[in-house]
Amino acid sequence: MIKALRVDERLVHGQIAMVWSKELKLQGLVIANDEVANNDTQKMALQMAVPSNIKSIMKDIDGAIALLKNPKASSMNLMVLVKTVEDALKIAKEIPTIEYVNIGNAGKMINEPKKEITKYVMLTDSEIAALKDLVEVYPETAFQAVPTEDKVLASTIIKDQKL
């Protein structure tokens, strides 16, 4: 069962390994990123950040979608990690059983014009458009860095900031 689909440009890091994994009682992480899937050095570095009691798999976006559609995926508590809202949207359109879509940390590494949405999220115009589409697919999509913070619905941000 996909407990969460999270947008986080860092993919696996301390918040995922130590906080989200425990909160969601994760058994597995699916890192869905085209670049990482084809880079053994990045795979190795990310794997080192995954707790030893959690299985991980790194796939390109299409490979992750195929994996998540496999009935075996529904028997494990999984978190899917992507770097962009656009990647999250692509997965969300294909997988209707995600419990929580979370925008955690994005845009700090992008060298394009972007708008600060929250303290941890900055999005380009194309990412804002993808966010609006994501909210159409998953209305409960929320911004939340860690589980102890309040969830802020993306629909509220879109409305309040007139995105």
Protein backbone atom coordinates (compact mmCIF):
# COMPACT_ATOMS: atom_id res chain seq x y z
CA MET A 1 0.00 0.00 0.00
CA ILE A 2 1.39 3.37 -0.91
CA LYS A 3 1.33 5.29 2.35
CA ALA A 4 2.75 8.44 0.75
CA LEU A 5 3.98 9.93 -2.47
CA ARG A 6 6.42 12.68 -1.53
CA VAL A 7 8.03 15.39 -3.60
CA ASP A 8 11.47 16.00 -2.15
CA GLU A 9 14.35 17.02 -4.38
CA ARG A 10 16.81 15.46 -1.92
CA LEU A 11 15.01 12.12 -2.22
CA VAL A 12 16.41 10.07 0.72
CA HIS A 13 17.78 12.02 3.69
CA GLY A 14 17.46 12.17 7.47
CA GLN A 15 13.81 13.26 7.60
CA ILE A 16 12.83 10.34 5.40
CA ALA A 17 15.08 7.79 7.08
CA MET A 18 14.45 8.76 10.69
CA VAL A 19 11.05 10.48 10.83
CA TRP A 20 8.75 9.62 7.94
CA SER A 21 9.81 5.97 7.85
CA LYS A 22 8.81 5.51 11.49
CA GLU A 23 5.65 7.60 11.28
CA LEU A 24 4.37 5.63 8.30
CA LYS A 25 5.78 2.28 9.50
CA LEU A 26 7.48 1.89 6.14
CA GLN A 27 8.70 -1.41 4.81
CA GLY A 28 9.94 0.01 1.54
CA LEU A 29 11.00 3.11 -0.35
CA VAL A 30 10.55 3.52 -4.07
CA ILE A 31 12.82 6.23 -5.40
CA ALA A 32 11.35 7.25 -8.76
CA ASN A 33 13.71 9.38 -10.78
CA ASP A 34 14.95 9.00 -14.34
CA GLU A 35 18.41 10.41 -13.58
CA VAL A 36 19.03 8.32 -10.45
CA ALA A 37 17.82 5.14 -12.16
CA ASN A 38 20.65 5.48 -14.65
CA ASN A 39 23.43 6.58 -12.30
CA ASP A 40 25.08 3.90 -10.16
CA THR A 41 26.95 6.46 -8.05
CA GLN A 42 23.73 8.26 -7.09
CA LYS A 43 22.02 4.94 -6.39
CA MET A 44 24.85 3.92 -4.05
CA ALA A 45 24.82 7.26 -2.22
CA LEU A 46 21.04 7.19 -1.72
CA GLN A 47 21.11 3.55 -0.63
CA MET A 48 23.49 4.47 2.19
CA ALA A 49 20.82 6.81 3.61
CA VAL A 50 18.11 4.12 3.69
CA PRO A 51 17.72 2.40 7.08
CA SER A 52 18.79 -1.25 6.98
CA ASN A 53 15.31 -2.46 7.98
CA ILE A 54 13.68 -0.82 4.95
CA LYS A 55 13.86 -2.22 1.44
CA SER A 56 14.51 0.24 -1.35
CA ILE A 57 14.29 0.20 -5.08
CA MET A 58 15.29 2.87 -7.55
CA LYS A 59 13.48 3.07 -10.87
CA ASP A 60 12.84 5.57 -13.59
CA ILE A 61 9.34 7.08 -13.44
CA ASP A 62 7.78 4.60 -15.87
CA GLY A 63 9.48 1.67 -14.15
CA ALA A 64 8.21 2.87 -10.77
CA ILE A 65 4.66 3.09 -12.11
CA ALA A 66 4.89 -0.47 -13.43
CA LEU A 67 6.29 -1.66 -10.09
CA LEU A 68 3.55 0.12 -8.10
CA LYS A 69 0.84 -1.43 -10.28
CA ASN A 70 2.10 -4.89 -9.37
CA PRO A 71 -0.29 -6.48 -6.82
CA LYS A 72 2.70 -7.36 -4.60
CA ALA A 73 3.22 -3.64 -3.95
CA SER A 74 -0.11 -3.48 -2.14
CA SER A 75 1.16 -5.85 0.55
CA MET A 76 3.93 -3.51 1.77
CA ASN A 77 3.85 -0.08 3.42
CA LEU A 78 5.64 2.03 0.81
CA MET A 79 6.69 5.61 0.34
CA VAL A 80 7.39 6.82 -3.18
CA LEU A 81 9.92 9.65 -3.50
CA VAL A 82 10.18 11.94 -6.51
CA LYS A 83 12.11 15.15 -7.13
CA THR A 84 9.42 17.18 -8.91
CA VAL A 85 5.72 17.91 -8.78
CA GLU A 86 5.56 16.95 -12.46
CA ASP A 87 6.88 13.46 -11.63
CA ALA A 88 4.42 13.17 -8.74
CA LEU A 89 1.58 14.10 -11.10
CA LYS A 90 2.62 11.45 -13.61
CA ILE A 91 2.60 8.76 -10.91
CA ALA A 92 -0.60 10.03 -9.26
CA LYS A 93 -2.49 9.84 -12.56
CA GLU A 94 -1.55 6.17 -12.89
CA ILE A 95 -1.89 5.01 -9.27
CA PRO A 96 -5.30 5.73 -7.71
CA THR A 97 -4.56 4.13 -4.33
CA ILE A 98 -2.04 6.55 -2.80
CA GLU A 99 -3.02 7.43 0.77
CA TYR A 100 -1.20 10.76 1.02
CA VAL A 101 0.44 13.07 -1.51
CA ASN A 102 3.00 15.27 0.20
CA ILE A 103 5.01 18.19 -1.10
CA GLY A 104 7.97 18.33 1.24
CA ASN A 105 10.98 20.09 -0.20
CA ALA A 106 11.41 21.32 -3.75
CA GLY A 107 12.92 23.96 -5.95
CA LYS A 108 15.98 25.03 -4.00
CA MET A 109 18.26 23.35 -6.52
CA ILE A 110 16.48 24.69 -9.61
CA ASN A 111 18.29 27.49 -11.44
CA GLU A 112 15.19 28.88 -13.16
CA PRO A 113 12.76 31.59 -12.16
CA LYS A 114 10.58 30.23 -9.39
CA LYS A 115 8.03 31.37 -6.84
CA GLU A 116 8.40 30.70 -3.12
CA ILE A 117 5.33 28.74 -2.08
CA THR A 118 6.42 27.80 1.45
CA LYS A 119 9.65 27.98 3.41
CA TYR A 120 10.71 24.67 1.84
CA VAL A 121 9.07 24.77 -1.57
CA MET A 122 9.83 26.96 -4.57
CA LEU A 123 8.17 26.13 -7.87
CA THR A 124 8.57 27.17 -11.49
CA ASP A 125 5.52 28.09 -13.55
CA SER A 126 5.39 24.58 -15.04
CA GLU A 127 5.59 23.05 -11.56
CA ILE A 128 2.76 25.33 -10.35
CA ALA A 129 0.65 24.13 -13.27
CA ALA A 130 1.50 20.52 -12.36
CA LEU A 131 0.56 21.24 -8.72
CA LYS A 132 -2.88 22.47 -9.80
CA ASP A 133 -3.35 19.29 -11.84
CA LEU A 134 -2.11 17.17 -8.93
CA VAL A 135 -4.72 18.74 -6.64
CA GLU A 136 -7.37 17.79 -9.21
CA VAL A 137 -6.22 14.16 -9.01
CA TYR A 138 -5.55 14.14 -5.23
CA PRO A 139 -7.52 16.99 -3.56
CA GLU A 140 -5.90 16.27 -0.18
CA THR A 141 -2.38 16.96 -1.51
CA ALA A 142 -0.59 18.87 1.25
CA PHE A 143 2.61 20.69 2.10
CA GLN A 144 4.31 19.20 5.15
CA ALA A 145 8.03 18.95 5.82
CA VAL A 146 7.77 16.49 8.73
CA PRO A 147 4.84 14.65 10.31
CA THR A 148 4.86 16.85 13.43
CA GLU A 149 4.07 19.95 11.36
CA ASP A 150 0.53 20.78 10.38
CA LYS A 151 -0.52 19.79 6.89
CA VAL A 152 -1.34 22.77 4.68
CA LEU A 153 -3.56 21.77 1.80
CA ALA A 154 -2.16 22.66 -1.59
CA SER A 155 -5.62 23.82 -2.64
CA THR A 156 -5.52 26.42 0.14
CA ILE A 157 -2.08 27.63 -0.95
CA ILE A 158 -3.22 27.84 -4.59
CA LYS A 159 -6.26 29.87 -3.57
CA ASP A 160 -4.55 32.11 -0.97
CA GLN A 161 -1.51 32.88 -3.11
CA LYS A 162 -3.58 33.19 -6.28
CA LEU A 163 -1.33 30.76 -8.11
